[in-house]
Amino acid sequence: MKATYTPPGLEEAGMQDKVVYLTPEGKQRFAAELRELQTVRRHEVEEQIRRAKEFADTVDNAEYDEAKAEQGFVEGRIQELERLLSTAKLIEEPTTRGDFVRMGAHIKVVDAEGEEETYYLVGSHEADPRHGQISNESPIGRALIGKKVGDEVTVVAPAGAFNLKILEIT
């Protein structure tokens, strides 16, 4: 049997290729950010670097160092967004009333104290729990996915376990 060699770090690189779920709005938002970085921000940073070089030598030049650091951030974010958009799988909005929880669904739940909450199940890159957008990878998202109206789920979270009852899925 022939042994195969995998260079260090290659296993982690494969993890980057996992499917990224995005809503149509999220995809538009990330695409707009990418365009802004490529067409505007990249050129602004290049201009900052050019001006910093004019004022002084690049050695011990704080403005130059700051502009180069910003350039690294901008280029890194561009690469991250390109990778994100190239692997994105669009979450289709359910066209009919949902019979089970899936990506793109709005789920109304009630907790043990009777407090109601509505969640929008999105991919991890769009999650914003303060605005009701929860990831399918979050404790609540994992507990709800695949369940039906009337089901009770136990959410196991870092702060402790709690129960939710599904009232409505749209």
N, C-alpha and C. Protein backbone atom coordinates (compact mmCIF):
# COMPACT_ATOMS: atom_id res chain seq x y z
N MET A 1 0.85 -1.17 0.00
CA MET A 1 0.00 0.00 0.00
C MET A 1 0.90 1.24 0.00
N LYS A 2 0.57 2.21 -0.85
CA LYS A 2 1.37 3.41 -0.99
C LYS A 2 0.84 4.50 -0.06
N ALA A 3 1.73 5.07 0.71
CA ALA A 3 1.34 6.14 1.63
C ALA A 3 1.28 7.45 0.86
N THR A 4 0.33 8.31 1.23
CA THR A 4 0.24 9.62 0.59
C THR A 4 0.63 10.68 1.60
N TYR A 5 1.24 11.72 1.09
CA TYR A 5 1.71 12.81 1.93
C TYR A 5 0.77 13.99 1.77
N THR A 6 0.30 14.51 2.88
CA THR A 6 -0.51 15.71 2.87
C THR A 6 0.28 16.82 3.54
N PRO A 7 0.60 17.89 2.79
CA PRO A 7 1.38 18.98 3.38
C PRO A 7 0.66 19.58 4.58
N PRO A 8 1.42 20.04 5.58
CA PRO A 8 0.79 20.66 6.76
C PRO A 8 -0.10 21.82 6.35
N GLY A 9 -1.26 21.90 6.98
CA GLY A 9 -2.17 23.00 6.72
C GLY A 9 -3.18 22.71 5.63
N LEU A 10 -2.93 21.67 4.81
CA LEU A 10 -3.84 21.37 3.72
C LEU A 10 -5.19 20.89 4.22
N GLU A 11 -5.20 20.17 5.33
CA GLU A 11 -6.47 19.71 5.89
C GLU A 11 -7.32 20.91 6.26
N GLU A 12 -6.70 21.93 6.86
CA GLU A 12 -7.45 23.12 7.25
C GLU A 12 -7.95 23.86 6.02
N ALA A 13 -7.13 23.87 4.96
CA ALA A 13 -7.53 24.58 3.74
C ALA A 13 -8.81 23.99 3.17
N GLY A 14 -8.98 22.70 3.27
CA GLY A 14 -10.19 22.05 2.78
C GLY A 14 -11.42 22.50 3.53
N MET A 15 -11.26 22.87 4.78
CA MET A 15 -12.40 23.32 5.58
C MET A 15 -12.95 24.64 5.03
N GLN A 16 -12.10 25.43 4.35
CA GLN A 16 -12.55 26.69 3.79
C GLN A 16 -13.56 26.48 2.67
N ASP A 17 -13.58 25.28 2.07
CA ASP A 17 -14.45 25.02 0.94
C ASP A 17 -15.84 24.56 1.36
N LYS A 18 -16.16 24.61 2.65
CA LYS A 18 -17.49 24.18 3.06
C LYS A 18 -18.52 25.15 2.50
N VAL A 19 -19.72 24.65 2.31
CA VAL A 19 -20.77 25.45 1.71
C VAL A 19 -21.15 26.59 2.65
N VAL A 20 -21.28 27.76 2.06
CA VAL A 20 -21.70 28.95 2.79
C VAL A 20 -23.12 29.27 2.34
N TYR A 21 -24.04 29.35 3.28
CA TYR A 21 -25.44 29.66 2.96
C TYR A 21 -25.66 31.16 3.08
N LEU A 22 -26.23 31.75 2.03
CA LEU A 22 -26.53 33.18 2.03
C LEU A 22 -27.95 33.40 1.52
N THR A 23 -28.63 34.37 2.12
CA THR A 23 -29.91 34.82 1.60
C THR A 23 -29.62 35.67 0.36
N PRO A 24 -30.60 35.88 -0.51
CA PRO A 24 -30.36 36.77 -1.66
C PRO A 24 -29.88 38.16 -1.22
N GLU A 25 -30.48 38.67 -0.12
CA GLU A 25 -30.07 39.99 0.38
C GLU A 25 -28.62 39.96 0.87
N GLY A 26 -28.26 38.90 1.56
CA GLY A 26 -26.89 38.77 2.06
C GLY A 26 -25.89 38.69 0.93
N LYS A 27 -26.22 37.94 -0.11
CA LYS A 27 -25.31 37.83 -1.26
C LYS A 27 -25.13 39.20 -1.91
N GLN A 28 -26.23 39.94 -2.07
CA GLN A 28 -26.14 41.29 -2.64
C GLN A 28 -25.29 42.20 -1.77
N ARG A 29 -25.47 42.11 -0.45
CA ARG A 29 -24.72 42.95 0.48
C ARG A 29 -23.22 42.65 0.41
N PHE A 30 -22.85 41.35 0.40
CA PHE A 30 -21.43 40.99 0.32
C PHE A 30 -20.84 41.35 -1.04
N ALA A 31 -21.62 41.20 -2.12
CA ALA A 31 -21.15 41.56 -3.46
C ALA A 31 -20.93 43.08 -3.55
N ALA A 32 -21.81 43.86 -2.94
CA ALA A 32 -21.65 45.32 -2.93
C ALA A 32 -20.41 45.72 -2.14
N GLU A 33 -20.18 45.06 -1.01
CA GLU A 33 -18.98 45.34 -0.21
C GLU A 33 -17.73 45.02 -1.02
N LEU A 34 -17.75 43.90 -1.73
CA LEU A 34 -16.60 43.51 -2.56
C LEU A 34 -16.35 44.56 -3.64
N ARG A 35 -17.40 44.99 -4.34
CA ARG A 35 -17.24 46.02 -5.37
C ARG A 35 -16.66 47.31 -4.79
N GLU A 36 -17.18 47.71 -3.63
CA GLU A 36 -16.70 48.93 -2.96
C GLU A 36 -15.21 48.81 -2.62
N LEU A 37 -14.81 47.67 -2.09
CA LEU A 37 -13.40 47.47 -1.74
C LEU A 37 -12.51 47.47 -2.97
N GLN A 38 -12.97 46.83 -4.05
CA GLN A 38 -12.15 46.72 -5.26
C GLN A 38 -12.08 48.03 -6.04
N THR A 39 -13.17 48.78 -6.09
CA THR A 39 -13.21 49.96 -6.94
C THR A 39 -12.91 51.27 -6.22
N VAL A 40 -13.19 51.33 -4.92
CA VAL A 40 -13.00 52.59 -4.20
C VAL A 40 -11.90 52.47 -3.14
N ARG A 41 -12.13 51.58 -2.18
CA ARG A 41 -11.23 51.50 -1.01
C ARG A 41 -9.80 51.13 -1.40
N ARG A 42 -9.63 50.19 -2.33
CA ARG A 42 -8.29 49.78 -2.77
C ARG A 42 -7.53 50.99 -3.31
N HIS A 43 -8.20 51.83 -4.11
CA HIS A 43 -7.55 53.00 -4.71
C HIS A 43 -7.25 54.08 -3.66
N GLU A 44 -8.14 54.22 -2.68
CA GLU A 44 -7.89 55.17 -1.59
C GLU A 44 -6.63 54.78 -0.83
N VAL A 45 -6.48 53.51 -0.54
CA VAL A 45 -5.31 53.03 0.21
C VAL A 45 -4.04 53.20 -0.63
N GLU A 46 -4.13 52.91 -1.92
CA GLU A 46 -2.97 53.12 -2.80
C GLU A 46 -2.54 54.58 -2.78
N GLU A 47 -3.51 55.48 -2.77
CA GLU A 47 -3.22 56.92 -2.72
C GLU A 47 -2.58 57.29 -1.37
N GLN A 48 -3.07 56.70 -0.28
CA GLN A 48 -2.46 56.96 1.04
C GLN A 48 -1.00 56.52 1.04
N ILE A 49 -0.72 55.38 0.46
CA ILE A 49 0.66 54.87 0.40
C ILE A 49 1.52 55.81 -0.43
N ARG A 50 1.00 56.25 -1.58
CA ARG A 50 1.75 57.16 -2.45
C ARG A 50 2.08 58.46 -1.72
N ARG A 51 1.07 59.04 -1.04
CA ARG A 51 1.30 60.29 -0.29
C ARG A 51 2.31 60.09 0.83
N ALA A 52 2.20 58.97 1.54
CA ALA A 52 3.12 58.70 2.65
C ALA A 52 4.55 58.57 2.14
N LYS A 53 4.75 58.00 0.97
CA LYS A 53 6.09 57.87 0.38
C LYS A 53 6.66 59.23 -0.01
N GLU A 54 5.79 60.17 -0.42
CA GLU A 54 6.23 61.50 -0.82
C GLU A 54 6.76 62.30 0.36
N PHE A 55 6.16 62.12 1.53
CA PHE A 55 6.53 62.90 2.70
C PHE A 55 7.85 62.47 3.31
N ALA A 56 8.14 61.18 3.26
CA ALA A 56 9.35 60.70 3.92
C ALA A 56 9.72 59.34 3.37
N ASP A 57 10.91 58.92 3.75
CA ASP A 57 11.37 57.58 3.40
C ASP A 57 10.42 56.57 4.06
N THR A 58 10.35 55.36 3.52
CA THR A 58 9.43 54.37 4.07
C THR A 58 9.91 53.79 5.40
N VAL A 59 11.17 54.00 5.75
CA VAL A 59 11.70 53.52 7.04
C VAL A 59 11.26 54.48 8.13
N ASP A 60 10.72 53.97 9.22
CA ASP A 60 10.22 54.77 10.36
C ASP A 60 9.19 55.80 9.92
N ASN A 61 8.32 55.43 8.99
CA ASN A 61 7.28 56.31 8.50
C ASN A 61 5.94 55.74 8.96
N ALA A 62 5.39 56.31 10.01
CA ALA A 62 4.16 55.79 10.61
C ALA A 62 2.98 55.81 9.64
N GLU A 63 2.86 56.88 8.86
CA GLU A 63 1.77 56.97 7.89
C GLU A 63 1.87 55.86 6.86
N TYR A 64 3.08 55.59 6.39
CA TYR A 64 3.31 54.53 5.42
C TYR A 64 2.97 53.16 6.03
N ASP A 65 3.45 52.93 7.25
CA ASP A 65 3.19 51.65 7.92
C ASP A 65 1.69 51.44 8.12
N GLU A 66 0.99 52.51 8.51
CA GLU A 66 -0.46 52.41 8.73
C GLU A 66 -1.19 52.13 7.41
N ALA A 67 -0.77 52.82 6.34
CA ALA A 67 -1.39 52.61 5.04
C ALA A 67 -1.13 51.20 4.53
N LYS A 68 0.06 50.67 4.74
CA LYS A 68 0.38 49.30 4.31
C LYS A 68 -0.44 48.29 5.11
N ALA A 69 -0.63 48.55 6.40
CA ALA A 69 -1.44 47.66 7.22
C ALA A 69 -2.89 47.68 6.72
N GLU A 70 -3.39 48.87 6.40
CA GLU A 70 -4.75 49.00 5.87
C GLU A 70 -4.87 48.28 4.53
N GLN A 71 -3.83 48.38 3.70
CA GLN A 71 -3.83 47.68 2.41
C GLN A 71 -3.92 46.16 2.63
N GLY A 72 -3.20 45.67 3.61
CA GLY A 72 -3.26 44.24 3.93
C GLY A 72 -4.66 43.83 4.36
N PHE A 73 -5.30 44.66 5.17
CA PHE A 73 -6.66 44.38 5.62
C PHE A 73 -7.62 44.36 4.43
N VAL A 74 -7.54 45.39 3.56
CA VAL A 74 -8.44 45.50 2.41
C VAL A 74 -8.25 44.30 1.47
N GLU A 75 -7.00 43.97 1.17
CA GLU A 75 -6.74 42.84 0.26
C GLU A 75 -7.20 41.52 0.88
N GLY A 76 -7.01 41.37 2.18
CA GLY A 76 -7.47 40.16 2.87
C GLY A 76 -8.98 40.05 2.83
N ARG A 77 -9.67 41.16 3.05
CA ARG A 77 -11.14 41.15 3.02
C ARG A 77 -11.65 40.86 1.61
N ILE A 78 -10.97 41.41 0.59
CA ILE A 78 -11.35 41.13 -0.80
C ILE A 78 -11.25 39.63 -1.06
N GLN A 79 -10.14 39.02 -0.66
CA GLN A 79 -9.97 37.58 -0.86
C GLN A 79 -11.04 36.78 -0.11
N GLU A 80 -11.32 37.19 1.13
CA GLU A 80 -12.34 36.51 1.94
C GLU A 80 -13.71 36.59 1.27
N LEU A 81 -14.08 37.76 0.77
CA LEU A 81 -15.38 37.93 0.11
C LEU A 81 -15.45 37.16 -1.20
N GLU A 82 -14.37 37.16 -1.97
CA GLU A 82 -14.35 36.39 -3.22
C GLU A 82 -14.55 34.91 -2.93
N ARG A 83 -13.88 34.40 -1.92
CA ARG A 83 -14.02 32.99 -1.54
C ARG A 83 -15.44 32.70 -1.04
N LEU A 84 -15.96 33.60 -0.21
CA LEU A 84 -17.31 33.46 0.33
C LEU A 84 -18.34 33.41 -0.79
N LEU A 85 -18.26 34.35 -1.73
CA LEU A 85 -19.24 34.42 -2.81
C LEU A 85 -19.09 33.26 -3.79
N SER A 86 -17.87 32.76 -3.96
CA SER A 86 -17.67 31.65 -4.91
C SER A 86 -18.21 30.33 -4.38
N THR A 87 -18.30 30.18 -3.05
CA THR A 87 -18.79 28.93 -2.47
C THR A 87 -20.22 29.06 -1.94
N ALA A 88 -20.82 30.25 -2.11
CA ALA A 88 -22.15 30.51 -1.54
C ALA A 88 -23.24 29.69 -2.22
N LYS A 89 -24.12 29.18 -1.37
CA LYS A 89 -25.33 28.51 -1.85
C LYS A 89 -26.49 29.40 -1.42
N LEU A 90 -27.28 29.80 -2.40
CA LEU A 90 -28.38 30.71 -2.13
C LEU A 90 -29.50 30.01 -1.37
N ILE A 91 -29.95 30.64 -0.29
CA ILE A 91 -31.09 30.15 0.48
C ILE A 91 -32.34 30.64 -0.22
N GLU A 92 -33.14 29.72 -0.67
CA GLU A 92 -34.39 30.08 -1.33
C GLU A 92 -35.43 30.40 -0.26
N GLU A 93 -36.10 31.52 -0.44
CA GLU A 93 -37.20 31.86 0.46
C GLU A 93 -38.31 30.85 0.25
N PRO A 94 -38.84 30.29 1.31
CA PRO A 94 -39.97 29.35 1.14
C PRO A 94 -41.13 30.06 0.44
N THR A 95 -41.67 29.44 -0.61
CA THR A 95 -42.77 30.06 -1.37
C THR A 95 -44.13 29.78 -0.75
N THR A 96 -44.19 28.76 0.07
CA THR A 96 -45.44 28.45 0.76
C THR A 96 -45.18 28.43 2.25
N ARG A 97 -46.25 28.43 2.98
CA ARG A 97 -46.15 28.34 4.44
C ARG A 97 -45.36 27.07 4.78
N GLY A 98 -44.39 27.21 5.65
CA GLY A 98 -43.52 26.10 5.96
C GLY A 98 -44.17 25.05 6.84
N ASP A 99 -43.91 23.80 6.51
CA ASP A 99 -44.40 22.73 7.37
C ASP A 99 -43.29 22.23 8.29
N PHE A 100 -42.05 22.64 8.01
CA PHE A 100 -40.94 22.31 8.90
C PHE A 100 -39.89 23.42 8.81
N VAL A 101 -39.05 23.50 9.81
CA VAL A 101 -38.02 24.54 9.87
C VAL A 101 -36.89 24.19 8.92
N ARG A 102 -36.56 25.15 8.05
CA ARG A 102 -35.44 25.00 7.12
C ARG A 102 -34.78 26.36 6.93
N MET A 103 -33.67 26.34 6.21
CA MET A 103 -32.95 27.59 5.94
C MET A 103 -33.89 28.57 5.25
N GLY A 104 -33.84 29.83 5.66
CA GLY A 104 -34.68 30.87 5.07
C GLY A 104 -36.04 31.00 5.72
N ALA A 105 -36.35 30.15 6.69
CA ALA A 105 -37.66 30.20 7.34
C ALA A 105 -37.66 31.23 8.47
N HIS A 106 -38.84 31.78 8.71
CA HIS A 106 -39.08 32.63 9.87
C HIS A 106 -39.83 31.75 10.86
N ILE A 107 -39.30 31.65 12.08
CA ILE A 107 -39.86 30.75 13.07
C ILE A 107 -40.28 31.54 14.30
N LYS A 108 -41.55 31.44 14.64
CA LYS A 108 -42.05 32.09 15.86
C LYS A 108 -42.07 31.03 16.95
N VAL A 109 -41.41 31.34 18.08
CA VAL A 109 -41.32 30.39 19.19
C VAL A 109 -41.76 31.07 20.48
N VAL A 110 -42.03 30.24 21.48
CA VAL A 110 -42.34 30.75 22.81
C VAL A 110 -41.48 29.97 23.80
N ASP A 111 -40.97 30.69 24.80
CA ASP A 111 -40.15 30.01 25.80
C ASP A 111 -41.00 29.64 27.02
N ALA A 112 -40.37 29.05 28.02
CA ALA A 112 -41.07 28.56 29.21
C ALA A 112 -41.76 29.68 29.99
N GLU A 113 -41.24 30.92 29.87
CA GLU A 113 -41.85 32.06 30.58
C GLU A 113 -42.97 32.70 29.77
N GLY A 114 -43.25 32.17 28.58
CA GLY A 114 -44.31 32.72 27.76
C GLY A 114 -43.88 33.84 26.83
N GLU A 115 -42.59 34.11 26.76
CA GLU A 115 -42.09 35.17 25.88
C GLU A 115 -41.93 34.64 24.47
N GLU A 116 -42.51 35.38 23.52
CA GLU A 116 -42.44 34.98 22.12
C GLU A 116 -41.27 35.68 21.43
N GLU A 117 -40.69 34.99 20.48
CA GLU A 117 -39.57 35.51 19.70
C GLU A 117 -39.72 34.97 18.29
N THR A 118 -39.33 35.76 17.30
CA THR A 118 -39.32 35.29 15.92
C THR A 118 -37.89 35.31 15.42
N TYR A 119 -37.48 34.19 14.84
CA TYR A 119 -36.14 34.05 14.30
C TYR A 119 -36.19 33.86 12.79
N TYR A 120 -35.15 34.32 12.12
CA TYR A 120 -34.97 34.11 10.68
C TYR A 120 -33.73 33.24 10.58
N LEU A 121 -33.87 32.03 10.04
CA LEU A 121 -32.77 31.06 9.98
C LEU A 121 -31.92 31.32 8.75
N VAL A 122 -30.68 31.77 8.97
CA VAL A 122 -29.76 32.13 7.89
C VAL A 122 -28.43 31.39 8.08
N GLY A 123 -27.52 31.57 7.15
CA GLY A 123 -26.19 30.99 7.27
C GLY A 123 -25.36 31.75 8.28
N SER A 124 -24.25 31.16 8.69
CA SER A 124 -23.43 31.73 9.76
C SER A 124 -22.84 33.10 9.42
N HIS A 125 -22.58 33.40 8.15
CA HIS A 125 -22.00 34.69 7.79
C HIS A 125 -22.97 35.85 7.90
N GLU A 126 -24.27 35.53 7.92
CA GLU A 126 -25.28 36.58 8.02
C GLU A 126 -25.92 36.67 9.39
N ALA A 127 -25.57 35.77 10.28
CA ALA A 127 -26.21 35.73 11.59
C ALA A 127 -26.05 37.06 12.32
N ASP A 128 -27.14 37.51 12.92
CA ASP A 128 -27.17 38.73 13.72
C ASP A 128 -28.26 38.53 14.77
N PRO A 129 -27.93 37.80 15.85
CA PRO A 129 -28.95 37.45 16.85
C PRO A 129 -29.71 38.64 17.42
N ARG A 130 -29.08 39.80 17.53
CA ARG A 130 -29.77 40.97 18.06
C ARG A 130 -30.93 41.41 17.18
N HIS A 131 -30.86 41.03 15.89
CA HIS A 131 -31.92 41.38 14.96
C HIS A 131 -32.72 40.15 14.52
N GLY A 132 -32.65 39.09 15.31
CA GLY A 132 -33.46 37.90 15.06
C GLY A 132 -32.94 36.97 13.98
N GLN A 133 -31.77 37.26 13.43
CA GLN A 133 -31.20 36.40 12.40
C GLN A 133 -30.24 35.41 13.07
N ILE A 134 -30.65 34.13 13.08
CA ILE A 134 -29.82 33.13 13.74
C ILE A 134 -29.26 32.16 12.71
N SER A 135 -28.09 31.66 13.02
CA SER A 135 -27.39 30.74 12.14
C SER A 135 -27.92 29.32 12.30
N ASN A 136 -27.86 28.58 11.21
CA ASN A 136 -28.20 27.17 11.27
C ASN A 136 -27.19 26.40 12.11
N GLU A 137 -26.03 27.00 12.39
CA GLU A 137 -24.99 26.37 13.19
C GLU A 137 -25.07 26.76 14.66
N SER A 138 -25.94 27.71 15.01
CA SER A 138 -26.09 28.15 16.39
C SER A 138 -26.86 27.10 17.19
N PRO A 139 -26.77 27.14 18.51
CA PRO A 139 -27.53 26.17 19.31
C PRO A 139 -29.04 26.21 19.02
N ILE A 140 -29.61 27.40 18.89
CA ILE A 140 -31.04 27.50 18.62
C ILE A 140 -31.34 26.98 17.21
N GLY A 141 -30.54 27.40 16.24
CA GLY A 141 -30.74 26.95 14.86
C GLY A 141 -30.65 25.44 14.73
N ARG A 142 -29.63 24.84 15.36
CA ARG A 142 -29.47 23.38 15.31
C ARG A 142 -30.67 22.67 15.94
N ALA A 143 -31.19 23.24 17.03
CA ALA A 143 -32.32 22.60 17.71
C ALA A 143 -33.61 22.71 16.89
N LEU A 144 -33.79 23.82 16.16
CA LEU A 144 -35.04 24.06 15.44
C LEU A 144 -35.10 23.39 14.06
N ILE A 145 -33.99 23.27 13.39
CA ILE A 145 -34.00 22.80 12.00
C ILE A 145 -34.64 21.42 11.88
N GLY A 146 -35.55 21.32 10.93
CA GLY A 146 -36.24 20.05 10.69
C GLY A 146 -37.48 19.83 11.54
N LYS A 147 -37.74 20.69 12.51
CA LYS A 147 -38.89 20.52 13.42
C LYS A 147 -40.15 21.14 12.81
N LYS A 148 -41.32 20.82 13.40
CA LYS A 148 -42.62 21.28 12.90
C LYS A 148 -43.33 22.15 13.93
N VAL A 149 -44.39 22.81 13.49
CA VAL A 149 -45.21 23.62 14.39
C VAL A 149 -45.75 22.70 15.49
N GLY A 150 -45.68 23.17 16.73
CA GLY A 150 -46.14 22.40 17.88
C GLY A 150 -45.02 21.62 18.56
N ASP A 151 -43.90 21.40 17.85
CA ASP A 151 -42.78 20.67 18.45
C ASP A 151 -42.14 21.51 19.55
N GLU A 152 -41.70 20.83 20.59
CA GLU A 152 -40.91 21.46 21.64
C GLU A 152 -39.49 20.98 21.49
N VAL A 153 -38.54 21.91 21.59
CA VAL A 153 -37.13 21.56 21.46
C VAL A 153 -36.38 22.03 22.69
N THR A 154 -35.33 21.31 23.00
CA THR A 154 -34.43 21.73 24.06
C THR A 154 -33.18 22.28 23.41
N VAL A 155 -32.86 23.52 23.73
CA VAL A 155 -31.68 24.18 23.19
C VAL A 155 -30.59 24.08 24.24
N VAL A 156 -29.47 23.50 23.85
CA VAL A 156 -28.33 23.39 24.75
C VAL A 156 -27.33 24.46 24.34
N ALA A 157 -27.23 25.49 25.17
CA ALA A 157 -26.37 26.64 24.90
C ALA A 157 -25.32 26.77 25.99
N PRO A 158 -24.28 27.55 25.75
CA PRO A 158 -23.24 27.74 26.78
C PRO A 158 -23.80 28.24 28.11
N ALA A 159 -24.86 29.06 28.07
CA ALA A 159 -25.43 29.59 29.31
C ALA A 159 -26.36 28.61 29.99
N GLY A 160 -26.62 27.47 29.36
CA GLY A 160 -27.50 26.46 29.94
C GLY A 160 -28.58 26.04 28.96
N ALA A 161 -29.29 24.99 29.30
CA ALA A 161 -30.33 24.46 28.42
C ALA A 161 -31.66 25.17 28.70
N PHE A 162 -32.46 25.33 27.64
CA PHE A 162 -33.81 25.89 27.80
C PHE A 162 -34.69 25.31 26.70
N ASN A 163 -36.00 25.41 26.91
CA ASN A 163 -36.97 24.83 25.97
C ASN A 163 -37.67 25.92 25.18
N LEU A 164 -37.98 25.59 23.93
CA LEU A 164 -38.75 26.46 23.06
C LEU A 164 -39.84 25.62 22.41
N LYS A 165 -41.01 26.23 22.19
CA LYS A 165 -42.09 25.58 21.47
C LYS A 165 -42.30 26.37 20.18
N ILE A 166 -42.40 25.66 19.05
CA ILE A 166 -42.58 26.31 17.76
C ILE A 166 -44.06 26.62 17.57
N LEU A 167 -44.35 27.91 17.37
CA LEU A 167 -45.72 28.36 17.19
C LEU A 167 -46.10 28.51 15.72
N GLU A 168 -45.13 28.95 14.92
CA GLU A 168 -45.44 29.26 13.52
C GLU A 168 -44.17 29.20 12.68
N ILE A 169 -44.29 28.73 11.46
CA ILE A 169 -43.18 28.71 10.51
C ILE A 169 -43.65 29.34 9.22
N THR A 170 -42.94 30.37 8.77
CA THR A 170 -43.29 31.00 7.48
C THR A 170 -42.05 31.13 6.62
